[in-house]
Amino acid sequence: MRATKSISAEVQSAVSELLAELQAKSGCEKYGVTPEAFAEILGVVATKYLPNGSQQGKPASFLLTLRVEELALARACAAGHNTAWEIFLTRYREKLYQSALRIAREDSAARELADNLYAELYGMNTRDDERVSKLASFTGRGSLEGWLRTVLAQEFVNRYRRTETPGEPGRRRGRRGAVRRTRAGADRSRRFAAGIGLPTRLLRVFPAKSA
């Protein structure tokens, strides 16, 4: 397990005081997040943004500003809870695609961009035997939808950079190579989705390889 910053007594006290309220507001247990795990998430988030100790009352005020329902959903998805992942896809799949379409401006490219991002959001890779999901970095300070749009835009920029000709910024590599890479990514996403046992109706976000 990766080391985290020590949680101050002030933050711990605020979390303990508000846990019942924030837990009820978040609905964390329906996503598979226990009260103990949710308390740890709150403590880590507060410590990140209040790192040097705070005057009395500030940690509590900060915790009350968090979008705790979206925080619980995102962290449950990052931890691999399939119920949470189903809810996430139902709620954000179409919004994510529409955002991708506005960025990529072409249907097939938008679907490839959105679909390839799902595997990274779920957590295909591991580090120190722990799954690595982009959703684990969501802190609830803003909306999850807005955060997803930001991640999607950055993914688009990264993909664009990977297809540029080395030494010639702005010049794209051949489309055939780019298509091979995006298809390979989509196929990898489908294999992963099937491997984790996502319901069949959800696999349509991972498009089959074109003939």
C-alpha atoms as a PDB file:
ATOM      1  CA  MET A   1       0.000   0.000   0.000  1.00  0.00           C
ATOM      2  CA  ARG A   2       1.310   3.424  -0.919  1.00  0.00           C
ATOM      3  CA  ALA A   3       2.212   5.689   1.975  1.00  0.00           C
ATOM      4  CA  THR A   4      -0.056   8.661   2.649  1.00  0.00           C
ATOM      5  CA  LYS A   5       0.491  11.831   4.622  1.00  0.00           C
ATOM      6  CA  SER A   6      -0.264  11.649   8.304  1.00  0.00           C
ATOM      7  CA  ILE A   7      -3.776  12.857   9.075  1.00  0.00           C
ATOM      8  CA  SER A   8      -3.809  15.562  11.724  1.00  0.00           C
ATOM      9  CA  ALA A   9      -5.829  15.374  14.910  1.00  0.00           C
ATOM     10  CA  GLU A  10      -7.928  18.349  13.736  1.00  0.00           C
ATOM     11  CA  VAL A  11      -8.872  16.577  10.494  1.00  0.00           C
ATOM     12  CA  GLN A  12      -9.557  13.302  12.281  1.00  0.00           C
ATOM     13  CA  SER A  13     -11.811  15.091  14.735  1.00  0.00           C
ATOM     14  CA  ALA A  14     -13.753  16.833  11.953  1.00  0.00           C
ATOM     15  CA  VAL A  15     -14.186  13.573  10.039  1.00  0.00           C
ATOM     16  CA  SER A  16     -15.451  11.797  13.151  1.00  0.00           C
ATOM     17  CA  GLU A  17     -17.860  14.611  13.915  1.00  0.00           C
ATOM     18  CA  LEU A  18     -19.329  14.772  10.412  1.00  0.00           C
ATOM     19  CA  LEU A  19     -19.012  11.150   9.304  1.00  0.00           C
ATOM     20  CA  ALA A  20     -22.613  10.115   9.947  1.00  0.00           C
ATOM     21  CA  GLU A  21     -23.943  13.154   8.078  1.00  0.00           C
ATOM     22  CA  LEU A  22     -21.574  12.834   5.142  1.00  0.00           C
ATOM     23  CA  GLN A  23     -21.982   9.072   4.951  1.00  0.00           C
ATOM     24  CA  ALA A  24     -25.756   9.416   4.704  1.00  0.00           C
ATOM     25  CA  LYS A  25     -25.440  12.167   2.110  1.00  0.00           C
ATOM     26  CA  SER A  26     -22.995  10.160   0.013  1.00  0.00           C
ATOM     27  CA  GLY A  27     -24.865   6.848  -0.025  1.00  0.00           C
ATOM     28  CA  CYS A  28     -21.413   5.252   0.060  1.00  0.00           C
ATOM     29  CA  GLU A  29     -22.590   1.851   1.266  1.00  0.00           C
ATOM     30  CA  LYS A  30     -24.753   1.277  -1.816  1.00  0.00           C
ATOM     31  CA  TYR A  31     -21.566   1.624  -3.852  1.00  0.00           C
ATOM     32  CA  GLY A  32     -19.716  -0.886  -1.696  1.00  0.00           C
ATOM     33  CA  VAL A  33     -17.706   1.642   0.335  1.00  0.00           C
ATOM     34  CA  THR A  34     -17.716   0.959   4.068  1.00  0.00           C
ATOM     35  CA  PRO A  35     -18.003   3.804   6.604  1.00  0.00           C
ATOM     36  CA  GLU A  36     -14.423   3.117   7.683  1.00  0.00           C
ATOM     37  CA  ALA A  37     -13.130   3.340   4.118  1.00  0.00           C
ATOM     38  CA  PHE A  38     -15.151   6.483   3.472  1.00  0.00           C
ATOM     39  CA  ALA A  39     -13.773   8.106   6.638  1.00  0.00           C
ATOM     40  CA  GLU A  40     -10.248   7.368   5.403  1.00  0.00           C
ATOM     41  CA  ILE A  41     -11.041   8.907   1.994  1.00  0.00           C
ATOM     42  CA  LEU A  42     -12.374  12.060   3.653  1.00  0.00           C
ATOM     43  CA  GLY A  43      -9.324  12.301   5.877  1.00  0.00           C
ATOM     44  CA  VAL A  44      -6.895  11.910   2.970  1.00  0.00           C
ATOM     45  CA  VAL A  45      -8.722  14.497   0.835  1.00  0.00           C
ATOM     46  CA  ALA A  46      -8.853  17.029   3.672  1.00  0.00           C
ATOM     47  CA  THR A  47      -5.185  16.462   4.459  1.00  0.00           C
ATOM     48  CA  LYS A  48      -4.269  17.066   0.812  1.00  0.00           C
ATOM     49  CA  TYR A  49      -5.864  20.505   0.783  1.00  0.00           C
ATOM     50  CA  LEU A  50      -5.242  21.439   4.422  1.00  0.00           C
ATOM     51  CA  PRO A  51      -1.698  20.060   4.717  1.00  0.00           C
ATOM     52  CA  ASN A  52      -0.161  22.274   7.365  1.00  0.00           C
ATOM     53  CA  GLY A  53      -2.782  22.159  10.056  1.00  0.00           C
ATOM     54  CA  SER A  54      -5.703  24.564  10.209  1.00  0.00           C
ATOM     55  CA  GLN A  55      -7.451  26.787  12.629  1.00  0.00           C
ATOM     56  CA  GLN A  56     -10.294  25.240  14.573  1.00  0.00           C
ATOM     57  CA  GLY A  57     -13.380  24.659  12.461  1.00  0.00           C
ATOM     58  CA  LYS A  58     -11.719  24.888   9.043  1.00  0.00           C
ATOM     59  CA  PRO A  59     -11.475  21.113   8.346  1.00  0.00           C
ATOM     60  CA  ALA A  60     -15.193  20.749   9.094  1.00  0.00           C
ATOM     61  CA  SER A  61     -16.068  23.642   6.795  1.00  0.00           C
ATOM     62  CA  PHE A  62     -13.931  22.139   4.051  1.00  0.00           C
ATOM     63  CA  LEU A  63     -15.496  18.685   4.364  1.00  0.00           C
ATOM     64  CA  LEU A  64     -18.978  20.175   4.043  1.00  0.00           C
ATOM     65  CA  THR A  65     -18.070  21.646   0.643  1.00  0.00           C
ATOM     66  CA  LEU A  66     -17.200  18.278  -0.897  1.00  0.00           C
ATOM     67  CA  ARG A  67     -19.488  16.564  -3.413  1.00  0.00           C
ATOM     68  CA  VAL A  68     -19.501  13.431  -1.303  1.00  0.00           C
ATOM     69  CA  GLU A  69     -21.954  11.371  -3.374  1.00  0.00           C
ATOM     70  CA  GLU A  70     -19.803  11.734  -6.487  1.00  0.00           C
ATOM     71  CA  LEU A  71     -16.670  11.209  -4.402  1.00  0.00           C
ATOM     72  CA  ALA A  72     -18.017   7.920  -3.043  1.00  0.00           C
ATOM     73  CA  LEU A  73     -19.068   6.765  -6.524  1.00  0.00           C
ATOM     74  CA  ALA A  74     -15.692   7.608  -8.089  1.00  0.00           C
ATOM     75  CA  ARG A  75     -13.682   5.944  -5.330  1.00  0.00           C
ATOM     76  CA  ALA A  76     -15.900   2.840  -5.406  1.00  0.00           C
ATOM     77  CA  CYS A  77     -15.299   2.542  -9.155  1.00  0.00           C
ATOM     78  CA  ALA A  78     -11.565   2.961  -8.583  1.00  0.00           C
ATOM     79  CA  ALA A  79     -11.685   0.160  -6.013  1.00  0.00           C
ATOM     80  CA  GLY A  80     -13.357  -2.148  -8.534  1.00  0.00           C
ATOM     81  CA  HIS A  81     -16.931  -2.356  -7.253  1.00  0.00           C
ATOM     82  CA  ASN A  82     -18.992  -3.414 -10.273  1.00  0.00           C
ATOM     83  CA  THR A  83     -22.268  -2.026  -8.901  1.00  0.00           C
ATOM     84  CA  ALA A  84     -20.673   1.395  -8.735  1.00  0.00           C
ATOM     85  CA  TRP A  85     -19.194   0.954 -12.216  1.00  0.00           C
ATOM     86  CA  GLU A  86     -22.637   0.125 -13.644  1.00  0.00           C
ATOM     87  CA  ILE A  87     -24.088   3.260 -12.039  1.00  0.00           C
ATOM     88  CA  PHE A  88     -21.158   5.299 -13.338  1.00  0.00           C
ATOM     89  CA  LEU A  89     -21.661   4.089 -16.911  1.00  0.00           C
ATOM     90  CA  THR A  90     -25.402   4.652 -16.792  1.00  0.00           C
ATOM     91  CA  ARG A  91     -24.930   8.182 -15.495  1.00  0.00           C
ATOM     92  CA  TYR A  92     -21.907   9.378 -17.463  1.00  0.00           C
ATOM     93  CA  ARG A  93     -21.474   7.218 -20.577  1.00  0.00           C
ATOM     94  CA  GLU A  94     -23.521   9.397 -22.923  1.00  0.00           C
ATOM     95  CA  LYS A  95     -22.198  12.630 -21.398  1.00  0.00           C
ATOM     96  CA  LEU A  96     -18.649  11.409 -21.842  1.00  0.00           C
ATOM     97  CA  TYR A  97     -19.307  10.534 -25.465  1.00  0.00           C
ATOM     98  CA  GLN A  98     -20.878  13.940 -26.164  1.00  0.00           C
ATOM     99  CA  SER A  99     -17.853  15.637 -24.604  1.00  0.00           C
ATOM    100  CA  ALA A 100     -15.541  13.471 -26.708  1.00  0.00           C
ATOM    101  CA  LEU A 101     -17.494  14.403 -29.833  1.00  0.00           C
ATOM    102  CA  ARG A 102     -17.105  18.096 -29.105  1.00  0.00           C
ATOM    103  CA  ILE A 103     -13.363  17.572 -28.699  1.00  0.00           C
ATOM    104  CA  ALA A 104     -12.664  15.134 -31.562  1.00  0.00           C
ATOM    105  CA  ARG A 105     -15.380  16.502 -33.922  1.00  0.00           C
ATOM    106  CA  GLU A 106     -15.824  13.140 -35.611  1.00  0.00           C
ATOM    107  CA  ASP A 107     -18.001  10.239 -34.486  1.00  0.00           C
ATOM    108  CA  SER A 108     -15.615   7.290 -34.754  1.00  0.00           C
ATOM    109  CA  ALA A 109     -12.723   9.249 -33.254  1.00  0.00           C
ATOM    110  CA  ALA A 110     -14.967  10.420 -30.406  1.00  0.00           C
ATOM    111  CA  ARG A 111     -16.084   6.871 -29.626  1.00  0.00           C
ATOM    112  CA  GLU A 112     -12.509   5.609 -29.674  1.00  0.00           C
ATOM    113  CA  LEU A 113     -11.447   8.436 -27.366  1.00  0.00           C
ATOM    114  CA  ALA A 114     -14.279   7.813 -24.894  1.00  0.00           C
ATOM    115  CA  ASP A 115     -14.139   4.022 -25.002  1.00  0.00           C
ATOM    116  CA  ASN A 116     -10.382   3.834 -24.498  1.00  0.00           C
ATOM    117  CA  LEU A 117     -10.681   6.108 -21.475  1.00  0.00           C
ATOM    118  CA  TYR A 118     -13.078   3.735 -19.681  1.00  0.00           C
ATOM    119  CA  ALA A 119     -10.398   1.116 -19.064  1.00  0.00           C
ATOM    120  CA  GLU A 120      -8.112   3.761 -17.546  1.00  0.00           C
ATOM    121  CA  LEU A 121     -10.944   5.001 -15.362  1.00  0.00           C
ATOM    122  CA  TYR A 122     -11.686   1.481 -14.173  1.00  0.00           C
ATOM    123  CA  GLY A 123      -8.029   0.618 -13.604  1.00  0.00           C
ATOM    124  CA  MET A 124      -6.373  -1.815 -16.011  1.00  0.00           C
ATOM    125  CA  ASN A 125      -2.848  -1.411 -14.674  1.00  0.00           C
ATOM    126  CA  THR A 126      -1.417  -2.113 -11.241  1.00  0.00           C
ATOM    127  CA  ARG A 127       1.302  -0.512  -9.125  1.00  0.00           C
ATOM    128  CA  ASP A 128       2.696  -2.334  -6.106  1.00  0.00           C
ATOM    129  CA  ASP A 129      -0.090  -4.911  -6.546  1.00  0.00           C
ATOM    130  CA  GLU A 130      -2.763  -2.200  -6.372  1.00  0.00           C
ATOM    131  CA  ARG A 131      -5.069  -1.254  -9.233  1.00  0.00           C
ATOM    132  CA  VAL A 132      -4.373   2.165 -10.755  1.00  0.00           C
ATOM    133  CA  SER A 133      -7.488   4.103 -11.720  1.00  0.00           C
ATOM    134  CA  LYS A 134      -7.718   7.732 -12.743  1.00  0.00           C
ATOM    135  CA  LEU A 135     -10.891   7.943 -10.653  1.00  0.00           C
ATOM    136  CA  ALA A 136      -8.801   7.504  -7.502  1.00  0.00           C
ATOM    137  CA  SER A 137      -7.537  11.061  -8.008  1.00  0.00           C
ATOM    138  CA  PHE A 138     -11.025  12.622  -7.950  1.00  0.00           C
ATOM    139  CA  THR A 139     -11.387  14.526  -4.680  1.00  0.00           C
ATOM    140  CA  GLY A 140     -14.951  15.824  -4.803  1.00  0.00           C
ATOM    141  CA  ARG A 141     -13.996  19.497  -4.830  1.00  0.00           C
ATOM    142  CA  GLY A 142     -15.854  20.031  -8.098  1.00  0.00           C
ATOM    143  CA  SER A 143     -18.348  18.040 -10.116  1.00  0.00           C
ATOM    144  CA  LEU A 144     -17.383  14.589 -11.358  1.00  0.00           C
ATOM    145  CA  GLU A 145     -18.768  15.483 -14.784  1.00  0.00           C
ATOM    146  CA  GLY A 146     -16.475  18.516 -15.034  1.00  0.00           C
ATOM    147  CA  TRP A 147     -13.505  16.492 -13.844  1.00  0.00           C
ATOM    148  CA  LEU A 148     -14.219  13.831 -16.476  1.00  0.00           C
ATOM    149  CA  ARG A 149     -14.306  16.463 -19.225  1.00  0.00           C
ATOM    150  CA  THR A 150     -10.892  17.695 -18.102  1.00  0.00           C
ATOM    151  CA  VAL A 151      -9.443  14.165 -18.092  1.00  0.00           C
ATOM    152  CA  LEU A 152     -10.942  13.494 -21.514  1.00  0.00           C
ATOM    153  CA  ALA A 153      -9.450  16.673 -22.967  1.00  0.00           C
ATOM    154  CA  GLN A 154      -6.016  15.776 -21.581  1.00  0.00           C
ATOM    155  CA  GLU A 155      -6.311  12.281 -23.040  1.00  0.00           C
ATOM    156  CA  PHE A 156      -7.088  13.796 -26.436  1.00  0.00           C
ATOM    157  CA  VAL A 157      -4.008  16.029 -26.212  1.00  0.00           C
ATOM    158  CA  ASN A 158      -1.848  13.046 -25.214  1.00  0.00           C
ATOM    159  CA  ARG A 159      -3.165  10.960 -28.104  1.00  0.00           C
ATOM    160  CA  TYR A 160      -2.516  13.808 -30.528  1.00  0.00           C
ATOM    161  CA  ARG A 161       1.070  14.153 -29.331  1.00  0.00           C
ATOM    162  CA  ARG A 162       1.658  10.421 -29.771  1.00  0.00           C
ATOM    163  CA  THR A 163       0.611  10.649 -33.430  1.00  0.00           C
ATOM    164  CA  GLU A 164       2.801  13.640 -34.299  1.00  0.00           C
ATOM    165  CA  THR A 165       5.867  13.057 -36.465  1.00  0.00           C
ATOM    166  CA  PRO A 166       8.993  13.252 -34.238  1.00  0.00           C
ATOM    167  CA  GLY A 167      10.848  16.506 -34.817  1.00  0.00           C
ATOM    168  CA  GLU A 168       7.963  17.969 -36.797  1.00  0.00           C
ATOM    169  CA  PRO A 169       5.353  19.386 -34.367  1.00  0.00           C
ATOM    170  CA  GLY A 170       1.930  19.666 -35.915  1.00  0.00           C
ATOM    171  CA  ARG A 171       2.573  17.032 -38.577  1.00  0.00           C
ATOM    172  CA  ARG A 172       0.597  13.863 -38.006  1.00  0.00           C
ATOM    173  CA  ARG A 173       1.823  10.353 -38.657  1.00  0.00           C
ATOM    174  CA  GLY A 174       0.035   8.232 -41.219  1.00  0.00           C
ATOM    175  CA  ARG A 175      -3.631   7.572 -40.482  1.00  0.00           C
ATOM    176  CA  ARG A 176      -3.213   3.817 -40.934  1.00  0.00           C
ATOM    177  CA  GLY A 177      -0.827   3.591 -37.995  1.00  0.00           C
ATOM    178  CA  ALA A 178      -3.084   5.783 -35.843  1.00  0.00           C
ATOM    179  CA  VAL A 179      -6.102   3.626 -36.672  1.00  0.00           C
ATOM    180  CA  ARG A 180      -4.181   0.473 -35.777  1.00  0.00           C
ATOM    181  CA  ARG A 181      -3.291   1.943 -32.386  1.00  0.00           C
ATOM    182  CA  THR A 182      -6.831   3.109 -31.582  1.00  0.00           C
ATOM    183  CA  ARG A 183      -8.321  -0.229 -32.663  1.00  0.00           C
ATOM    184  CA  ALA A 184      -5.776  -2.052 -30.540  1.00  0.00           C
ATOM    185  CA  GLY A 185      -6.745   0.109 -27.586  1.00  0.00           C
ATOM    186  CA  ALA A 186     -10.440  -0.570 -28.127  1.00  0.00           C
ATOM    187  CA  ASP A 187      -9.811  -4.318 -28.400  1.00  0.00           C
ATOM    188  CA  ARG A 188      -7.780  -4.210 -25.170  1.00  0.00           C
ATOM    189  CA  SER A 189     -10.639  -2.375 -23.474  1.00  0.00           C
ATOM    190  CA  ARG A 190     -13.141  -5.000 -24.599  1.00  0.00           C
ATOM    191  CA  ARG A 191     -10.970  -7.852 -23.364  1.00  0.00           C
ATOM    192  CA  PHE A 192     -10.565  -6.131 -20.021  1.00  0.00           C
ATOM    193  CA  ALA A 193     -14.285  -5.427 -19.691  1.00  0.00           C
ATOM    194  CA  ALA A 194     -15.102  -9.052 -20.406  1.00  0.00           C
ATOM    195  CA  GLY A 195     -12.382 -10.225 -18.026  1.00  0.00           C
ATOM    196  CA  ILE A 196     -13.760  -8.285 -15.053  1.00  0.00           C
ATOM    197  CA  GLY A 197     -17.238  -9.651 -15.658  1.00  0.00           C
ATOM    198  CA  LEU A 198     -19.094  -6.473 -16.630  1.00  0.00           C
ATOM    199  CA  PRO A 199     -22.690  -7.223 -17.671  1.00  0.00           C
ATOM    200  CA  THR A 200     -23.070  -7.885 -21.409  1.00  0.00           C
ATOM    201  CA  ARG A 201     -25.277  -4.817 -21.882  1.00  0.00           C
ATOM    202  CA  LEU A 202     -22.394  -2.618 -20.777  1.00  0.00           C
ATOM    203  CA  LEU A 203     -19.855  -4.059 -23.206  1.00  0.00           C
ATOM    204  CA  ARG A 204     -21.251  -1.918 -26.016  1.00  0.00           C
ATOM    205  CA  VAL A 205     -19.117   0.974 -24.722  1.00  0.00           C
ATOM    206  CA  PHE A 206     -16.127  -1.118 -25.809  1.00  0.00           C
ATOM    207  CA  PRO A 207     -16.656  -1.378 -29.605  1.00  0.00           C
ATOM    208  CA  ALA A 208     -15.782  -4.560 -31.470  1.00  0.00           C
ATOM    209  CA  LYS A 209     -12.916  -4.427 -33.943  1.00  0.00           C
ATOM    210  CA  SER A 210     -14.002  -3.385 -37.400  1.00  0.00           C
ATOM    211  CA  ALA A 211     -13.750  -5.990 -40.118  1.00  0.00           C
END
